[in-house]
Amino acid sequence: MAGNRIVLWRHGQTDWNVVNRFQGHSDIDLNEVGRFQVQHAAQILAGMKPTMIISSDLGRARDTAQSLADLTGLTVQIDEDLRETNGGLWEGKTGAENRAEDFQNFIRWIDGEDNPAGTTGERRSEVADRAVRAIKKALGDKTDQLLVVTTHGGTARCILGSLLQLPMSHWGVIGGLSNASWSILERNPRQWNLIEHNAGSIPEPVYGEESGAPSA
């Protein structure tokens, strides 16, 4: 993967982001603000001359990716391995509701443990494994690529923690991605390096921080 760069691009805002509701695999569309965000961000990302775009199959990510595809002429490759964490019994509920109903389990998960989200959902390690697999599949043995990975906040953090080889207990030190903002990883001969984080065109709050922060 010599010389490759990865842009991890979080989808634009949804109504569930604003009220801090755990989205997970729930297929929630971009709202009006989200559509504006991705159109604006896509113009900047297009200037980076991406060579490939891959995306989660959930609508909020697909529509985000398509805004860039429309400017670059690239085809979006859909991969469900880039979905957000399956939140199990927490999906559709706010962070406050999940704290009230499942406090110990929820706090352990927020603190970075590898317990399944929402009892019946996914572990962070499982999210990282599948998302990194999608990236490796897209890059293959190619070099000098700029791969745009259109995904979700939790999944992006799992990718960053895994590719940067951080202990899982330290993944939380990587701040969240605001809606329609991105991080850039660059590969040198030895490892991946984080060269830009939570970059975007307009300063935005980080809504839905692991769906556990108080709503903004």
N, C-alpha and C. Protein backbone atom coordinates (compact mmCIF):
# COMPACT_ATOMS: atom_id res chain seq x y z
N MET A 1 0.83 -1.21 0.00
CA MET A 1 0.00 0.00 0.00
C MET A 1 0.86 1.26 0.00
N ALA A 2 2.08 1.16 -0.51
CA ALA A 2 3.02 2.28 -0.47
C ALA A 2 2.43 3.52 -1.14
N GLY A 3 2.60 4.65 -0.47
CA GLY A 3 2.18 5.92 -1.05
C GLY A 3 0.70 6.18 -1.03
N ASN A 4 -0.09 5.25 -0.50
CA ASN A 4 -1.54 5.44 -0.49
C ASN A 4 -1.96 6.39 0.62
N ARG A 5 -3.04 7.09 0.34
CA ARG A 5 -3.69 7.92 1.36
C ARG A 5 -5.17 7.51 1.46
N ILE A 6 -5.70 7.60 2.66
CA ILE A 6 -7.10 7.30 2.91
C ILE A 6 -7.76 8.53 3.51
N VAL A 7 -8.88 8.95 2.93
CA VAL A 7 -9.70 10.01 3.50
C VAL A 7 -10.92 9.35 4.13
N LEU A 8 -11.03 9.42 5.45
CA LEU A 8 -12.21 8.91 6.15
C LEU A 8 -13.20 10.05 6.26
N TRP A 9 -14.31 9.94 5.55
CA TRP A 9 -15.28 11.03 5.44
C TRP A 9 -16.58 10.61 6.12
N ARG A 10 -16.95 11.32 7.17
CA ARG A 10 -18.20 11.02 7.85
C ARG A 10 -19.37 11.62 7.07
N HIS A 11 -20.48 10.91 7.08
CA HIS A 11 -21.69 11.38 6.38
C HIS A 11 -22.19 12.71 6.96
N GLY A 12 -23.02 13.38 6.20
CA GLY A 12 -23.61 14.64 6.64
C GLY A 12 -24.64 14.43 7.76
N GLN A 13 -25.10 15.53 8.27
CA GLN A 13 -26.00 15.52 9.43
C GLN A 13 -27.36 14.88 9.13
N THR A 14 -27.88 14.19 10.14
CA THR A 14 -29.24 13.65 10.11
C THR A 14 -30.00 14.21 11.30
N ASP A 15 -31.30 14.08 11.28
CA ASP A 15 -32.11 14.53 12.42
C ASP A 15 -31.76 13.76 13.68
N TRP A 16 -31.40 12.49 13.52
CA TRP A 16 -31.03 11.69 14.69
C TRP A 16 -29.72 12.16 15.30
N ASN A 17 -28.77 12.63 14.48
CA ASN A 17 -27.53 13.18 15.03
C ASN A 17 -27.82 14.34 15.97
N VAL A 18 -28.71 15.22 15.54
CA VAL A 18 -28.95 16.45 16.28
C VAL A 18 -29.52 16.16 17.68
N VAL A 19 -30.34 15.13 17.79
CA VAL A 19 -30.94 14.80 19.09
C VAL A 19 -30.18 13.69 19.80
N ASN A 20 -28.98 13.32 19.27
CA ASN A 20 -28.12 12.35 19.92
C ASN A 20 -28.77 10.96 20.04
N ARG A 21 -29.41 10.54 18.95
CA ARG A 21 -30.08 9.24 18.93
C ARG A 21 -29.15 8.23 18.24
N PHE A 22 -29.00 7.07 18.84
CA PHE A 22 -28.08 6.05 18.33
C PHE A 22 -28.62 5.52 17.00
N GLN A 23 -27.87 5.76 15.92
CA GLN A 23 -28.35 5.35 14.59
C GLN A 23 -27.96 3.92 14.24
N GLY A 24 -26.70 3.59 14.41
CA GLY A 24 -26.27 2.24 14.09
C GLY A 24 -26.63 1.83 12.68
N HIS A 25 -27.26 0.68 12.54
CA HIS A 25 -27.66 0.18 11.22
C HIS A 25 -28.99 0.78 10.75
N SER A 26 -29.65 1.58 11.58
CA SER A 26 -30.91 2.22 11.16
C SER A 26 -30.61 3.14 9.98
N ASP A 27 -31.43 3.06 8.95
CA ASP A 27 -31.14 3.76 7.69
C ASP A 27 -31.82 5.13 7.69
N ILE A 28 -31.16 6.10 8.29
CA ILE A 28 -31.71 7.44 8.47
C ILE A 28 -31.11 8.37 7.42
N ASP A 29 -31.96 9.12 6.73
CA ASP A 29 -31.50 9.99 5.64
C ASP A 29 -30.84 11.26 6.15
N LEU A 30 -30.04 11.87 5.30
CA LEU A 30 -29.52 13.21 5.57
C LEU A 30 -30.68 14.20 5.71
N ASN A 31 -30.51 15.18 6.58
CA ASN A 31 -31.49 16.26 6.63
C ASN A 31 -31.03 17.41 5.73
N GLU A 32 -31.74 18.51 5.74
CA GLU A 32 -31.41 19.61 4.83
C GLU A 32 -30.02 20.17 5.11
N VAL A 33 -29.69 20.30 6.39
CA VAL A 33 -28.34 20.78 6.74
C VAL A 33 -27.29 19.79 6.25
N GLY A 34 -27.55 18.50 6.43
CA GLY A 34 -26.62 17.48 5.99
C GLY A 34 -26.37 17.52 4.49
N ARG A 35 -27.41 17.75 3.73
CA ARG A 35 -27.25 17.82 2.28
C ARG A 35 -26.40 19.02 1.88
N PHE A 36 -26.59 20.12 2.58
CA PHE A 36 -25.76 21.30 2.32
C PHE A 36 -24.30 21.02 2.70
N GLN A 37 -24.10 20.40 3.85
CA GLN A 37 -22.74 20.10 4.31
C GLN A 37 -21.97 19.27 3.30
N VAL A 38 -22.60 18.22 2.79
CA VAL A 38 -21.86 17.31 1.91
C VAL A 38 -21.59 17.95 0.55
N GLN A 39 -22.49 18.78 0.09
CA GLN A 39 -22.23 19.47 -1.18
C GLN A 39 -21.04 20.40 -1.04
N HIS A 40 -20.97 21.09 0.07
CA HIS A 40 -19.87 22.02 0.31
C HIS A 40 -18.54 21.27 0.49
N ALA A 41 -18.57 20.21 1.30
CA ALA A 41 -17.35 19.44 1.55
C ALA A 41 -16.87 18.74 0.28
N ALA A 42 -17.80 18.26 -0.53
CA ALA A 42 -17.42 17.53 -1.74
C ALA A 42 -16.58 18.40 -2.68
N GLN A 43 -16.85 19.69 -2.71
CA GLN A 43 -16.07 20.57 -3.57
C GLN A 43 -14.61 20.62 -3.14
N ILE A 44 -14.37 20.58 -1.83
CA ILE A 44 -12.99 20.58 -1.33
C ILE A 44 -12.33 19.24 -1.59
N LEU A 45 -13.04 18.16 -1.29
CA LEU A 45 -12.48 16.83 -1.49
C LEU A 45 -12.19 16.56 -2.97
N ALA A 46 -13.03 17.06 -3.85
CA ALA A 46 -12.80 16.87 -5.29
C ALA A 46 -11.47 17.48 -5.70
N GLY A 47 -11.10 18.58 -5.06
CA GLY A 47 -9.83 19.24 -5.36
C GLY A 47 -8.62 18.43 -4.95
N MET A 48 -8.82 17.44 -4.09
CA MET A 48 -7.72 16.56 -3.68
C MET A 48 -7.45 15.47 -4.72
N LYS A 49 -8.26 15.39 -5.75
CA LYS A 49 -8.11 14.42 -6.84
C LYS A 49 -8.18 12.96 -6.36
N PRO A 50 -9.31 12.59 -5.73
CA PRO A 50 -9.44 11.19 -5.30
C PRO A 50 -9.40 10.24 -6.48
N THR A 51 -8.93 9.02 -6.22
CA THR A 51 -8.86 8.01 -7.27
C THR A 51 -9.94 6.95 -7.11
N MET A 52 -10.48 6.80 -5.89
CA MET A 52 -11.54 5.82 -5.63
C MET A 52 -12.43 6.34 -4.51
N ILE A 53 -13.71 5.93 -4.57
CA ILE A 53 -14.66 6.24 -3.49
C ILE A 53 -15.35 4.94 -3.10
N ILE A 54 -15.28 4.59 -1.82
CA ILE A 54 -16.07 3.48 -1.31
C ILE A 54 -16.98 4.01 -0.22
N SER A 55 -18.09 3.32 0.00
CA SER A 55 -19.09 3.84 0.92
C SER A 55 -19.86 2.73 1.61
N SER A 56 -20.24 3.01 2.83
CA SER A 56 -21.26 2.21 3.52
C SER A 56 -22.51 2.16 2.67
N ASP A 57 -23.28 1.10 2.84
CA ASP A 57 -24.51 0.96 2.05
C ASP A 57 -25.69 1.72 2.64
N LEU A 58 -25.54 2.31 3.83
CA LEU A 58 -26.64 3.06 4.43
C LEU A 58 -26.82 4.39 3.71
N GLY A 59 -28.07 4.81 3.56
CA GLY A 59 -28.40 5.94 2.70
C GLY A 59 -27.66 7.22 3.04
N ARG A 60 -27.47 7.50 4.32
CA ARG A 60 -26.81 8.76 4.69
C ARG A 60 -25.37 8.80 4.22
N ALA A 61 -24.72 7.64 4.18
CA ALA A 61 -23.35 7.58 3.65
C ALA A 61 -23.34 7.53 2.13
N ARG A 62 -24.25 6.74 1.56
CA ARG A 62 -24.31 6.64 0.09
C ARG A 62 -24.55 8.00 -0.54
N ASP A 63 -25.49 8.75 0.01
CA ASP A 63 -25.80 10.07 -0.56
C ASP A 63 -24.64 11.03 -0.39
N THR A 64 -23.93 10.91 0.72
CA THR A 64 -22.72 11.72 0.93
C THR A 64 -21.68 11.40 -0.13
N ALA A 65 -21.43 10.11 -0.32
CA ALA A 65 -20.44 9.69 -1.32
C ALA A 65 -20.83 10.13 -2.72
N GLN A 66 -22.12 10.06 -3.04
CA GLN A 66 -22.56 10.39 -4.39
C GLN A 66 -22.32 11.86 -4.71
N SER A 67 -22.37 12.71 -3.68
CA SER A 67 -22.12 14.14 -3.93
C SER A 67 -20.70 14.35 -4.45
N LEU A 68 -19.77 13.54 -3.99
CA LEU A 68 -18.39 13.63 -4.48
C LEU A 68 -18.26 12.95 -5.84
N ALA A 69 -18.94 11.83 -6.01
CA ALA A 69 -18.91 11.13 -7.29
C ALA A 69 -19.43 12.02 -8.42
N ASP A 70 -20.44 12.81 -8.12
CA ASP A 70 -21.03 13.68 -9.14
C ASP A 70 -20.02 14.72 -9.63
N LEU A 71 -19.09 15.11 -8.76
CA LEU A 71 -18.10 16.12 -9.14
C LEU A 71 -16.86 15.52 -9.80
N THR A 72 -16.57 14.28 -9.47
CA THR A 72 -15.32 13.68 -9.94
C THR A 72 -15.49 12.71 -11.10
N GLY A 73 -16.72 12.25 -11.31
CA GLY A 73 -16.95 11.24 -12.34
C GLY A 73 -16.59 9.83 -11.90
N LEU A 74 -16.18 9.66 -10.65
CA LEU A 74 -15.87 8.34 -10.13
C LEU A 74 -17.16 7.59 -9.79
N THR A 75 -17.08 6.27 -9.75
CA THR A 75 -18.21 5.43 -9.35
C THR A 75 -18.04 5.05 -7.88
N VAL A 76 -19.11 5.17 -7.12
CA VAL A 76 -19.07 4.79 -5.71
C VAL A 76 -19.18 3.28 -5.59
N GLN A 77 -18.22 2.67 -4.93
CA GLN A 77 -18.26 1.24 -4.65
C GLN A 77 -18.87 1.04 -3.26
N ILE A 78 -19.99 0.34 -3.22
CA ILE A 78 -20.73 0.15 -1.97
C ILE A 78 -20.22 -1.10 -1.25
N ASP A 79 -20.00 -0.95 0.06
CA ASP A 79 -19.54 -2.09 0.86
C ASP A 79 -20.20 -2.00 2.24
N GLU A 80 -21.04 -2.97 2.55
CA GLU A 80 -21.76 -2.93 3.82
C GLU A 80 -20.82 -3.09 5.02
N ASP A 81 -19.59 -3.52 4.79
CA ASP A 81 -18.62 -3.61 5.87
C ASP A 81 -18.24 -2.25 6.43
N LEU A 82 -18.63 -1.17 5.76
CA LEU A 82 -18.34 0.18 6.23
C LEU A 82 -19.50 0.79 7.02
N ARG A 83 -20.51 -0.02 7.32
CA ARG A 83 -21.64 0.47 8.12
C ARG A 83 -21.20 0.92 9.51
N GLU A 84 -22.09 1.69 10.14
CA GLU A 84 -21.91 2.04 11.54
C GLU A 84 -22.05 0.80 12.41
N THR A 85 -21.60 0.90 13.64
CA THR A 85 -21.75 -0.18 14.63
C THR A 85 -23.22 -0.58 14.77
N ASN A 86 -23.48 -1.87 14.74
CA ASN A 86 -24.82 -2.36 15.07
C ASN A 86 -25.03 -2.11 16.56
N GLY A 87 -25.98 -1.23 16.89
CA GLY A 87 -26.19 -0.80 18.26
C GLY A 87 -27.12 -1.68 19.06
N GLY A 88 -27.58 -2.78 18.48
CA GLY A 88 -28.43 -3.69 19.22
C GLY A 88 -29.63 -2.99 19.85
N LEU A 89 -29.83 -3.20 21.13
CA LEU A 89 -31.00 -2.66 21.83
C LEU A 89 -30.91 -1.16 22.07
N TRP A 90 -29.75 -0.56 21.77
CA TRP A 90 -29.61 0.88 21.96
C TRP A 90 -30.08 1.69 20.75
N GLU A 91 -30.23 1.06 19.61
CA GLU A 91 -30.57 1.82 18.40
C GLU A 91 -31.92 2.51 18.53
N GLY A 92 -31.97 3.72 18.03
CA GLY A 92 -33.20 4.50 18.07
C GLY A 92 -33.42 5.23 19.38
N LYS A 93 -32.53 5.03 20.36
CA LYS A 93 -32.66 5.68 21.66
C LYS A 93 -31.56 6.72 21.83
N THR A 94 -31.84 7.74 22.62
CA THR A 94 -30.85 8.78 22.88
C THR A 94 -29.82 8.28 23.88
N GLY A 95 -28.70 9.00 23.96
CA GLY A 95 -27.69 8.66 24.95
C GLY A 95 -28.26 8.69 26.35
N ALA A 96 -29.11 9.66 26.65
CA ALA A 96 -29.71 9.76 27.99
C ALA A 96 -30.60 8.56 28.28
N GLU A 97 -31.36 8.12 27.28
CA GLU A 97 -32.23 6.95 27.47
C GLU A 97 -31.40 5.69 27.72
N ASN A 98 -30.33 5.54 26.96
CA ASN A 98 -29.50 4.35 27.13
C ASN A 98 -28.76 4.35 28.47
N ARG A 99 -28.37 5.53 28.93
CA ARG A 99 -27.77 5.61 30.27
C ARG A 99 -28.79 5.19 31.34
N ALA A 100 -30.01 5.67 31.17
CA ALA A 100 -31.04 5.39 32.18
C ALA A 100 -31.43 3.91 32.19
N GLU A 101 -31.48 3.30 31.01
CA GLU A 101 -32.01 1.93 30.90
C GLU A 101 -30.94 0.85 31.01
N ASP A 102 -29.69 1.18 30.68
CA ASP A 102 -28.64 0.15 30.61
C ASP A 102 -27.31 0.76 31.04
N PHE A 103 -27.32 1.37 32.21
CA PHE A 103 -26.23 2.26 32.62
C PHE A 103 -24.87 1.58 32.59
N GLN A 104 -24.70 0.46 33.31
CA GLN A 104 -23.38 -0.15 33.42
C GLN A 104 -22.83 -0.58 32.07
N ASN A 105 -23.67 -1.23 31.28
CA ASN A 105 -23.24 -1.71 29.96
C ASN A 105 -22.89 -0.54 29.05
N PHE A 106 -23.71 0.49 29.09
CA PHE A 106 -23.51 1.65 28.22
C PHE A 106 -22.23 2.40 28.60
N ILE A 107 -22.01 2.59 29.89
CA ILE A 107 -20.81 3.31 30.34
C ILE A 107 -19.55 2.52 30.02
N ARG A 108 -19.59 1.20 30.18
CA ARG A 108 -18.43 0.38 29.82
C ARG A 108 -18.09 0.58 28.35
N TRP A 109 -19.13 0.62 27.52
CA TRP A 109 -18.92 0.79 26.07
C TRP A 109 -18.38 2.18 25.76
N ILE A 110 -18.95 3.21 26.36
CA ILE A 110 -18.48 4.58 26.17
C ILE A 110 -17.02 4.70 26.60
N ASP A 111 -16.65 3.98 27.66
CA ASP A 111 -15.28 4.05 28.18
C ASP A 111 -14.28 3.27 27.34
N GLY A 112 -14.77 2.60 26.28
CA GLY A 112 -13.85 1.97 25.34
C GLY A 112 -13.65 0.49 25.52
N GLU A 113 -14.49 -0.16 26.32
CA GLU A 113 -14.38 -1.61 26.44
C GLU A 113 -14.95 -2.28 25.19
N ASP A 114 -14.67 -3.55 25.04
CA ASP A 114 -15.05 -4.26 23.81
C ASP A 114 -16.32 -5.09 24.00
N ASN A 115 -17.19 -4.63 24.88
CA ASN A 115 -18.46 -5.33 25.07
C ASN A 115 -19.39 -5.03 23.90
N PRO A 116 -20.32 -5.93 23.57
CA PRO A 116 -21.23 -5.69 22.45
C PRO A 116 -22.13 -4.48 22.71
N ALA A 117 -22.25 -3.61 21.72
CA ALA A 117 -23.15 -2.46 21.85
C ALA A 117 -24.58 -2.95 21.98
N GLY A 118 -25.29 -2.41 22.96
CA GLY A 118 -26.70 -2.75 23.11
C GLY A 118 -26.97 -4.23 23.31
N THR A 119 -26.05 -4.92 23.96
CA THR A 119 -26.18 -6.34 24.32
C THR A 119 -26.17 -7.28 23.12
N THR A 120 -26.96 -6.96 22.09
CA THR A 120 -27.09 -7.85 20.93
C THR A 120 -26.37 -7.30 19.70
N GLY A 121 -25.65 -6.18 19.89
CA GLY A 121 -24.98 -5.55 18.75
C GLY A 121 -23.55 -6.01 18.58
N GLU A 122 -22.72 -5.11 18.03
CA GLU A 122 -21.35 -5.46 17.68
C GLU A 122 -20.33 -4.95 18.69
N ARG A 123 -19.23 -5.66 18.76
CA ARG A 123 -18.07 -5.20 19.50
C ARG A 123 -17.25 -4.25 18.61
N ARG A 124 -16.50 -3.35 19.25
CA ARG A 124 -15.63 -2.46 18.48
C ARG A 124 -14.63 -3.24 17.63
N SER A 125 -14.10 -4.31 18.19
CA SER A 125 -13.13 -5.11 17.45
C SER A 125 -13.75 -5.66 16.17
N GLU A 126 -15.03 -6.03 16.22
CA GLU A 126 -15.70 -6.56 15.03
C GLU A 126 -15.90 -5.47 13.98
N VAL A 127 -16.26 -4.27 14.44
CA VAL A 127 -16.43 -3.15 13.51
C VAL A 127 -15.11 -2.82 12.83
N ALA A 128 -14.05 -2.75 13.64
CA ALA A 128 -12.72 -2.44 13.08
C ALA A 128 -12.31 -3.49 12.06
N ASP A 129 -12.50 -4.77 12.39
CA ASP A 129 -12.07 -5.85 11.49
C ASP A 129 -12.77 -5.75 10.14
N ARG A 130 -14.09 -5.53 10.16
CA ARG A 130 -14.82 -5.53 8.88
C ARG A 130 -14.51 -4.27 8.07
N ALA A 131 -14.39 -3.13 8.76
CA ALA A 131 -14.14 -1.88 8.03
C ALA A 131 -12.75 -1.86 7.42
N VAL A 132 -11.75 -2.32 8.18
CA VAL A 132 -10.39 -2.38 7.64
C VAL A 132 -10.32 -3.38 6.49
N ARG A 133 -11.08 -4.46 6.60
CA ARG A 133 -11.15 -5.44 5.50
C ARG A 133 -11.65 -4.78 4.22
N ALA A 134 -12.67 -3.92 4.34
CA ALA A 134 -13.20 -3.23 3.16
C ALA A 134 -12.16 -2.32 2.53
N ILE A 135 -11.38 -1.64 3.36
CA ILE A 135 -10.34 -0.74 2.85
C ILE A 135 -9.25 -1.54 2.15
N LYS A 136 -8.81 -2.62 2.78
CA LYS A 136 -7.75 -3.43 2.18
C LYS A 136 -8.22 -4.05 0.86
N LYS A 137 -9.49 -4.43 0.80
CA LYS A 137 -10.04 -5.00 -0.43
C LYS A 137 -10.04 -3.95 -1.54
N ALA A 138 -10.40 -2.72 -1.21
CA ALA A 138 -10.44 -1.66 -2.21
C ALA A 138 -9.04 -1.31 -2.72
N LEU A 139 -8.09 -1.23 -1.80
CA LEU A 139 -6.73 -0.84 -2.20
C LEU A 139 -5.99 -1.98 -2.88
N GLY A 140 -6.21 -3.21 -2.42
CA GLY A 140 -5.51 -4.34 -3.00
C GLY A 140 -4.00 -4.10 -3.01
N ASP A 141 -3.38 -4.28 -4.17
CA ASP A 141 -1.94 -4.03 -4.28
C ASP A 141 -1.65 -2.72 -5.00
N LYS A 142 -2.66 -1.84 -5.06
CA LYS A 142 -2.48 -0.55 -5.74
C LYS A 142 -1.58 0.36 -4.92
N THR A 143 -0.95 1.30 -5.60
CA THR A 143 -0.11 2.30 -4.95
C THR A 143 -0.55 3.68 -5.42
N ASP A 144 -0.13 4.69 -4.68
CA ASP A 144 -0.39 6.10 -5.03
C ASP A 144 -1.87 6.39 -5.22
N GLN A 145 -2.69 5.80 -4.36
CA GLN A 145 -4.13 6.02 -4.40
C GLN A 145 -4.55 7.07 -3.37
N LEU A 146 -5.62 7.79 -3.67
CA LEU A 146 -6.31 8.60 -2.67
C LEU A 146 -7.72 8.02 -2.57
N LEU A 147 -7.91 7.18 -1.58
CA LEU A 147 -9.16 6.46 -1.38
C LEU A 147 -10.05 7.22 -0.42
N VAL A 148 -11.23 7.61 -0.87
CA VAL A 148 -12.21 8.25 0.01
C VAL A 148 -13.13 7.17 0.55
N VAL A 149 -13.17 7.05 1.86
CA VAL A 149 -13.99 6.06 2.55
C VAL A 149 -15.13 6.80 3.23
N THR A 150 -16.33 6.68 2.68
CA THR A 150 -17.48 7.40 3.22
C THR A 150 -18.18 6.50 4.22
N THR A 151 -18.14 6.92 5.49
CA THR A 151 -18.58 6.03 6.54
C THR A 151 -19.24 6.82 7.67
N HIS A 152 -19.11 6.31 8.88
CA HIS A 152 -19.85 6.82 10.04
C HIS A 152 -18.88 7.14 11.16
N GLY A 153 -19.33 7.94 12.13
CA GLY A 153 -18.44 8.40 13.18
C GLY A 153 -17.78 7.29 13.97
N GLY A 154 -18.58 6.34 14.46
CA GLY A 154 -18.03 5.25 15.25
C GLY A 154 -17.12 4.36 14.44
N THR A 155 -17.52 4.07 13.21
CA THR A 155 -16.71 3.22 12.35
C THR A 155 -15.39 3.89 12.00
N ALA A 156 -15.43 5.20 11.74
CA ALA A 156 -14.21 5.93 11.43
C ALA A 156 -13.22 5.84 12.59
N ARG A 157 -13.71 5.98 13.81
CA ARG A 157 -12.82 5.90 14.96
C ARG A 157 -12.22 4.50 15.09
N CYS A 158 -13.01 3.49 14.82
CA CYS A 158 -12.49 2.11 14.87
C CYS A 158 -11.40 1.91 13.81
N ILE A 159 -11.61 2.46 12.62
CA ILE A 159 -10.61 2.36 11.57
C ILE A 159 -9.32 3.07 11.99
N LEU A 160 -9.46 4.27 12.53
CA LEU A 160 -8.28 5.03 12.96
C LEU A 160 -7.52 4.28 14.05
N GLY A 161 -8.23 3.81 15.06
CA GLY A 161 -7.57 3.10 16.15
C GLY A 161 -6.85 1.86 15.67
N SER A 162 -7.49 1.15 14.75
CA SER A 162 -6.89 -0.09 14.25
C SER A 162 -5.67 0.19 13.36
N LEU A 163 -5.82 1.07 12.37
CA LEU A 163 -4.72 1.32 11.44
C LEU A 163 -3.55 2.03 12.11
N LEU A 164 -3.83 2.82 13.15
CA LEU A 164 -2.74 3.49 13.87
C LEU A 164 -2.15 2.61 14.96
N GLN A 165 -2.70 1.39 15.08
CA GLN A 165 -2.19 0.38 16.01
C GLN A 165 -2.22 0.86 17.46
N LEU A 166 -3.27 1.58 17.81
CA LEU A 166 -3.44 2.01 19.20
C LEU A 166 -4.13 0.89 19.99
N PRO A 167 -3.81 0.75 21.28
CA PRO A 167 -4.59 -0.16 22.11
C PRO A 167 -6.04 0.30 22.13
N MET A 168 -6.98 -0.63 22.12
CA MET A 168 -8.39 -0.24 22.06
C MET A 168 -8.79 0.71 23.19
N SER A 169 -8.17 0.53 24.36
CA SER A 169 -8.49 1.40 25.49
C SER A 169 -8.12 2.86 25.21
N HIS A 170 -7.30 3.08 24.17
CA HIS A 170 -6.87 4.44 23.83
C HIS A 170 -7.56 4.98 22.58
N TRP A 171 -8.45 4.22 21.98
CA TRP A 171 -9.12 4.72 20.78
C TRP A 171 -9.90 6.00 21.07
N GLY A 172 -10.37 6.12 22.30
CA GLY A 172 -11.16 7.29 22.67
C GLY A 172 -10.37 8.59 22.69
N VAL A 173 -9.03 8.51 22.68
CA VAL A 173 -8.25 9.76 22.67
C VAL A 173 -8.36 10.45 21.31
N ILE A 174 -8.81 9.71 20.30
CA ILE A 174 -9.02 10.32 18.99
C ILE A 174 -10.38 11.01 19.03
N GLY A 175 -10.39 12.32 18.89
CA GLY A 175 -11.66 13.04 18.94
C GLY A 175 -12.60 12.60 17.83
N GLY A 176 -13.88 12.90 18.00
CA GLY A 176 -14.87 12.51 17.03
C GLY A 176 -14.77 13.30 15.73
N LEU A 177 -15.47 12.80 14.72
CA LEU A 177 -15.58 13.50 13.44
C LEU A 177 -16.91 14.25 13.41
N SER A 178 -16.87 15.51 13.08
CA SER A 178 -18.10 16.25 12.84
C SER A 178 -18.75 15.75 11.56
N ASN A 179 -20.04 15.99 11.42
CA ASN A 179 -20.73 15.58 10.20
C ASN A 179 -20.09 16.22 8.98
N ALA A 180 -19.85 15.39 7.95
CA ALA A 180 -19.27 15.80 6.67
C ALA A 180 -17.81 16.24 6.77
N SER A 181 -17.17 15.96 7.91
CA SER A 181 -15.75 16.25 8.07
C SER A 181 -14.95 14.97 7.86
N TRP A 182 -13.63 15.11 7.79
CA TRP A 182 -12.82 13.97 7.40
C TRP A 182 -11.49 13.95 8.12
N SER A 183 -10.87 12.77 8.09
CA SER A 183 -9.50 12.57 8.55
C SER A 183 -8.70 11.95 7.40
N ILE A 184 -7.40 12.20 7.39
CA ILE A 184 -6.56 11.65 6.33
C ILE A 184 -5.41 10.84 6.94
N LEU A 185 -5.28 9.63 6.46
CA LEU A 185 -4.18 8.74 6.82
C LEU A 185 -3.26 8.57 5.62
N GLU A 186 -1.97 8.52 5.89
CA GLU A 186 -0.99 8.35 4.82
C GLU A 186 -0.08 7.18 5.17
N ARG A 187 0.19 6.35 4.18
CA ARG A 187 1.01 5.16 4.41
C ARG A 187 2.46 5.44 4.06
N ASN A 188 3.35 5.18 5.03
CA ASN A 188 4.78 5.18 4.70
C ASN A 188 5.24 3.72 4.69
N PRO A 189 6.50 3.45 4.44
CA PRO A 189 6.91 2.04 4.32
C PRO A 189 6.65 1.21 5.57
N ARG A 190 6.54 1.85 6.73
CA ARG A 190 6.40 1.07 7.97
C ARG A 190 4.98 1.05 8.52
N GLN A 191 4.23 2.15 8.34
CA GLN A 191 2.97 2.26 9.06
C GLN A 191 2.08 3.34 8.46
N TRP A 192 0.85 3.38 8.97
CA TRP A 192 -0.07 4.46 8.64
C TRP A 192 0.15 5.62 9.62
N ASN A 193 0.11 6.83 9.10
CA ASN A 193 0.23 8.04 9.93
C ASN A 193 -1.01 8.89 9.75
N LEU A 194 -1.47 9.50 10.83
CA LEU A 194 -2.60 10.42 10.79
C LEU A 194 -2.05 11.81 10.47
N ILE A 195 -2.42 12.35 9.32
CA ILE A 195 -1.85 13.64 8.92
C ILE A 195 -2.88 14.77 8.97
N GLU A 196 -4.13 14.42 9.15
CA GLU A 196 -5.17 15.45 9.28
C GLU A 196 -6.36 14.82 9.99
N HIS A 197 -6.99 15.56 10.89
CA HIS A 197 -8.10 14.98 11.64
C HIS A 197 -9.22 16.00 11.83
N ASN A 198 -10.44 15.53 11.61
CA ASN A 198 -11.66 16.33 11.77
C ASN A 198 -11.56 17.64 10.99
N ALA A 199 -11.06 17.52 9.77
CA ALA A 199 -10.97 18.68 8.89
C ALA A 199 -12.32 18.87 8.18
N GLY A 200 -12.61 20.09 7.85
CA GLY A 200 -13.86 20.37 7.16
C GLY A 200 -13.89 21.80 6.68
N SER A 201 -14.95 22.11 6.00
CA SER A 201 -15.04 23.43 5.40
C SER A 201 -15.61 24.47 6.35
N ILE A 202 -16.43 24.03 7.29
CA ILE A 202 -17.07 24.94 8.23
C ILE A 202 -16.95 24.31 9.62
N PRO A 203 -16.52 25.03 10.65
CA PRO A 203 -16.48 24.43 11.99
C PRO A 203 -17.87 23.95 12.41
N GLU A 204 -17.94 22.71 12.86
CA GLU A 204 -19.21 22.10 13.24
C GLU A 204 -19.06 21.41 14.58
N PRO A 205 -20.12 21.38 15.39
CA PRO A 205 -20.07 20.55 16.60
C PRO A 205 -20.04 19.08 16.23
N VAL A 206 -19.53 18.26 17.14
CA VAL A 206 -19.51 16.82 16.91
C VAL A 206 -20.79 16.23 17.52
N TYR A 207 -21.83 16.11 16.69
CA TYR A 207 -23.08 15.54 17.16
C TYR A 207 -22.99 14.02 17.23
N GLY A 208 -23.69 13.45 18.22
CA GLY A 208 -23.77 12.00 18.31
C GLY A 208 -22.44 11.36 18.60
N GLU A 209 -21.68 11.96 19.52
CA GLU A 209 -20.38 11.42 19.88
C GLU A 209 -20.56 10.06 20.53
N GLU A 210 -20.43 9.01 19.72
CA GLU A 210 -20.69 7.63 20.15
C GLU A 210 -22.13 7.49 20.67
N SER A 211 -22.99 8.44 20.32
CA SER A 211 -24.36 8.48 20.81
C SER A 211 -24.40 8.42 22.34
N GLY A 212 -23.37 8.97 22.96
CA GLY A 212 -23.31 8.92 24.41
C GLY A 212 -23.13 10.27 25.06
N ALA A 213 -22.80 11.29 24.27
CA ALA A 213 -22.60 12.62 24.85
C ALA A 213 -23.96 13.32 25.00
N PRO A 214 -24.03 14.26 25.93
CA PRO A 214 -25.27 15.05 26.01
C PRO A 214 -25.54 15.72 24.67
N SER A 215 -26.79 15.82 24.28
CA SER A 215 -27.10 16.44 22.99
C SER A 215 -26.77 17.91 23.01
N ALA A 216 -26.27 18.40 21.90
CA ALA A 216 -25.86 19.79 21.82
C ALA A 216 -27.06 20.71 21.68
